[in-house]
């Protein structure tokens, strides 16, 4: 099992990824959907790992929703890319 300190570091890294993805979406002149959704997915997964040690039901449910949205975004990006190929 992960100790509390390691869980905090993992959670902080996940938070940095999610905030970075948001900043990328706001400030980039062109957003790559794979980068944006993949970064959100990784961040949410890391926060979920952290929440397994420092449990909070509301935050865990939020991360599950975040994961579902990110996976959906990756699927959409993949379909869009497949349609764009000649």
C-alpha atoms as a PDB file:
ATOM      1  CA  UNK A   1       0.000   0.000   0.000  1.00  0.00           C
ATOM      2  CA  UNK A   2       1.068   3.564  -0.622  1.00  0.00           C
ATOM      3  CA  UNK A   3       1.990   5.674   2.403  1.00  0.00           C
ATOM      4  CA  UNK A   4       0.347   9.047   3.019  1.00  0.00           C
ATOM      5  CA  UNK A   5       3.298  11.143   1.864  1.00  0.00           C
ATOM      6  CA  UNK A   6       3.598   9.298  -1.445  1.00  0.00           C
ATOM      7  CA  UNK A   7      -0.167   9.551  -1.958  1.00  0.00           C
ATOM      8  CA  UNK A   8       0.072  13.305  -1.464  1.00  0.00           C
ATOM      9  CA  UNK A   9       2.882  13.616  -4.010  1.00  0.00           C
ATOM     10  CA  UNK A  10       0.917  11.526  -6.522  1.00  0.00           C
ATOM     11  CA  UNK A  11      -2.203  13.620  -5.903  1.00  0.00           C
ATOM     12  CA  UNK A  12      -0.310  16.880  -6.262  1.00  0.00           C
ATOM     13  CA  UNK A  13       1.174  15.731  -9.559  1.00  0.00           C
ATOM     14  CA  UNK A  14      -2.327  14.773 -10.737  1.00  0.00           C
ATOM     15  CA  UNK A  15      -3.612  18.217  -9.770  1.00  0.00           C
ATOM     16  CA  UNK A  16      -0.763  19.889 -11.664  1.00  0.00           C
ATOM     17  CA  UNK A  17      -1.631  17.844 -14.757  1.00  0.00           C
ATOM     18  CA  UNK A  18      -5.321  18.791 -14.643  1.00  0.00           C
ATOM     19  CA  UNK A  19      -4.597  22.484 -14.108  1.00  0.00           C
ATOM     20  CA  UNK A  20      -1.962  22.375 -16.863  1.00  0.00           C
ATOM     21  CA  UNK A  21      -4.463  20.794 -19.260  1.00  0.00           C
ATOM     22  CA  UNK A  22      -6.961  23.528 -18.457  1.00  0.00           C
ATOM     23  CA  UNK A  23      -4.349  26.246 -19.029  1.00  0.00           C
ATOM     24  CA  UNK A  24      -3.345  24.566 -22.301  1.00  0.00           C
ATOM     25  CA  UNK A  25      -6.974  24.581 -23.423  1.00  0.00           C
ATOM     26  CA  UNK A  26      -7.395  28.259 -22.524  1.00  0.00           C
ATOM     27  CA  UNK A  27      -4.109  29.674 -23.815  1.00  0.00           C
ATOM     28  CA  UNK A  28      -2.988  27.492 -26.731  1.00  0.00           C
ATOM     29  CA  UNK A  29      -3.757  28.843 -30.184  1.00  0.00           C
ATOM     30  CA  UNK A  30      -4.647  25.306 -31.279  1.00  0.00           C
ATOM     31  CA  UNK A  31      -5.536  22.467 -28.917  1.00  0.00           C
ATOM     32  CA  UNK A  32      -4.596  18.860 -29.633  1.00  0.00           C
ATOM     33  CA  UNK A  33      -7.514  16.824 -28.270  1.00  0.00           C
ATOM     34  CA  UNK A  34      -5.255  13.839 -27.541  1.00  0.00           C
ATOM     35  CA  UNK A  35      -2.894  15.946 -25.427  1.00  0.00           C
ATOM     36  CA  UNK A  36      -5.721  17.738 -23.631  1.00  0.00           C
ATOM     37  CA  UNK A  37      -7.838  14.670 -22.832  1.00  0.00           C
ATOM     38  CA  UNK A  38      -4.843  12.408 -22.196  1.00  0.00           C
ATOM     39  CA  UNK A  39      -3.401  14.872 -19.691  1.00  0.00           C
ATOM     40  CA  UNK A  40      -6.784  15.175 -17.979  1.00  0.00           C
ATOM     41  CA  UNK A  41      -7.108  11.386 -17.863  1.00  0.00           C
ATOM     42  CA  UNK A  42      -3.667  10.880 -16.352  1.00  0.00           C
ATOM     43  CA  UNK A  43      -4.274  13.640 -13.812  1.00  0.00           C
ATOM     44  CA  UNK A  44      -7.620  12.163 -12.779  1.00  0.00           C
ATOM     45  CA  UNK A  45      -6.120   8.678 -12.467  1.00  0.00           C
ATOM     46  CA  UNK A  46      -3.314   9.979 -10.252  1.00  0.00           C
ATOM     47  CA  UNK A  47      -5.782  11.861  -8.071  1.00  0.00           C
ATOM     48  CA  UNK A  48      -7.854   8.677  -7.811  1.00  0.00           C
ATOM     49  CA  UNK A  49      -4.781   6.787  -6.565  1.00  0.00           C
ATOM     50  CA  UNK A  50      -4.240   9.502  -3.970  1.00  0.00           C
ATOM     51  CA  UNK A  51      -7.893   9.297  -2.918  1.00  0.00           C
ATOM     52  CA  UNK A  52      -7.533   5.575  -2.239  1.00  0.00           C
ATOM     53  CA  UNK A  53      -5.273   6.547   0.659  1.00  0.00           C
ATOM     54  CA  UNK A  54      -6.935   9.835   1.657  1.00  0.00           C
ATOM     55  CA  UNK A  55     -10.535   8.852   0.939  1.00  0.00           C
ATOM     56  CA  UNK A  56     -13.129  11.510   0.158  1.00  0.00           C
ATOM     57  CA  UNK A  57     -16.289  10.261  -1.533  1.00  0.00           C
ATOM     58  CA  UNK A  58     -17.210  13.531  -3.249  1.00  0.00           C
ATOM     59  CA  UNK A  59     -13.726  13.934  -4.725  1.00  0.00           C
ATOM     60  CA  UNK A  60     -13.581  10.286  -5.779  1.00  0.00           C
ATOM     61  CA  UNK A  61     -16.907  10.576  -7.619  1.00  0.00           C
ATOM     62  CA  UNK A  62     -15.687  13.768  -9.300  1.00  0.00           C
ATOM     63  CA  UNK A  63     -12.545  11.970 -10.494  1.00  0.00           C
ATOM     64  CA  UNK A  64     -14.624   9.084 -11.868  1.00  0.00           C
ATOM     65  CA  UNK A  65     -16.699  11.581 -13.872  1.00  0.00           C
ATOM     66  CA  UNK A  66     -13.489  13.328 -14.999  1.00  0.00           C
ATOM     67  CA  UNK A  67     -12.087   9.971 -16.160  1.00  0.00           C
ATOM     68  CA  UNK A  68     -15.264   9.144 -18.097  1.00  0.00           C
ATOM     69  CA  UNK A  69     -15.251  12.546 -19.809  1.00  0.00           C
ATOM     70  CA  UNK A  70     -11.546  12.280 -20.678  1.00  0.00           C
ATOM     71  CA  UNK A  71     -11.953   8.778 -22.103  1.00  0.00           C
ATOM     72  CA  UNK A  72     -14.950   9.995 -24.097  1.00  0.00           C
ATOM     73  CA  UNK A  73     -12.855  12.889 -25.400  1.00  0.00           C
ATOM     74  CA  UNK A  74     -10.091  10.515 -26.457  1.00  0.00           C
ATOM     75  CA  UNK A  75     -12.592   8.283 -28.255  1.00  0.00           C
ATOM     76  CA  UNK A  76     -14.090  11.304 -30.025  1.00  0.00           C
ATOM     77  CA  UNK A  77     -10.640  12.581 -30.996  1.00  0.00           C
ATOM     78  CA  UNK A  78      -9.724   9.161 -32.377  1.00  0.00           C
ATOM     79  CA  UNK A  79     -12.949   8.980 -34.415  1.00  0.00           C
ATOM     80  CA  UNK A  80     -12.479  12.519 -35.692  1.00  0.00           C
ATOM     81  CA  UNK A  81      -8.914  11.711 -36.732  1.00  0.00           C
ATOM     82  CA  UNK A  82     -10.069   8.541 -38.535  1.00  0.00           C
ATOM     83  CA  UNK A  83     -12.746  10.498 -40.430  1.00  0.00           C
ATOM     84  CA  UNK A  84     -10.230  13.176 -41.459  1.00  0.00           C
ATOM     85  CA  UNK A  85      -7.917  10.660 -43.152  1.00  0.00           C
ATOM     86  CA  UNK A  86      -8.539  10.284 -46.903  1.00  0.00           C
END
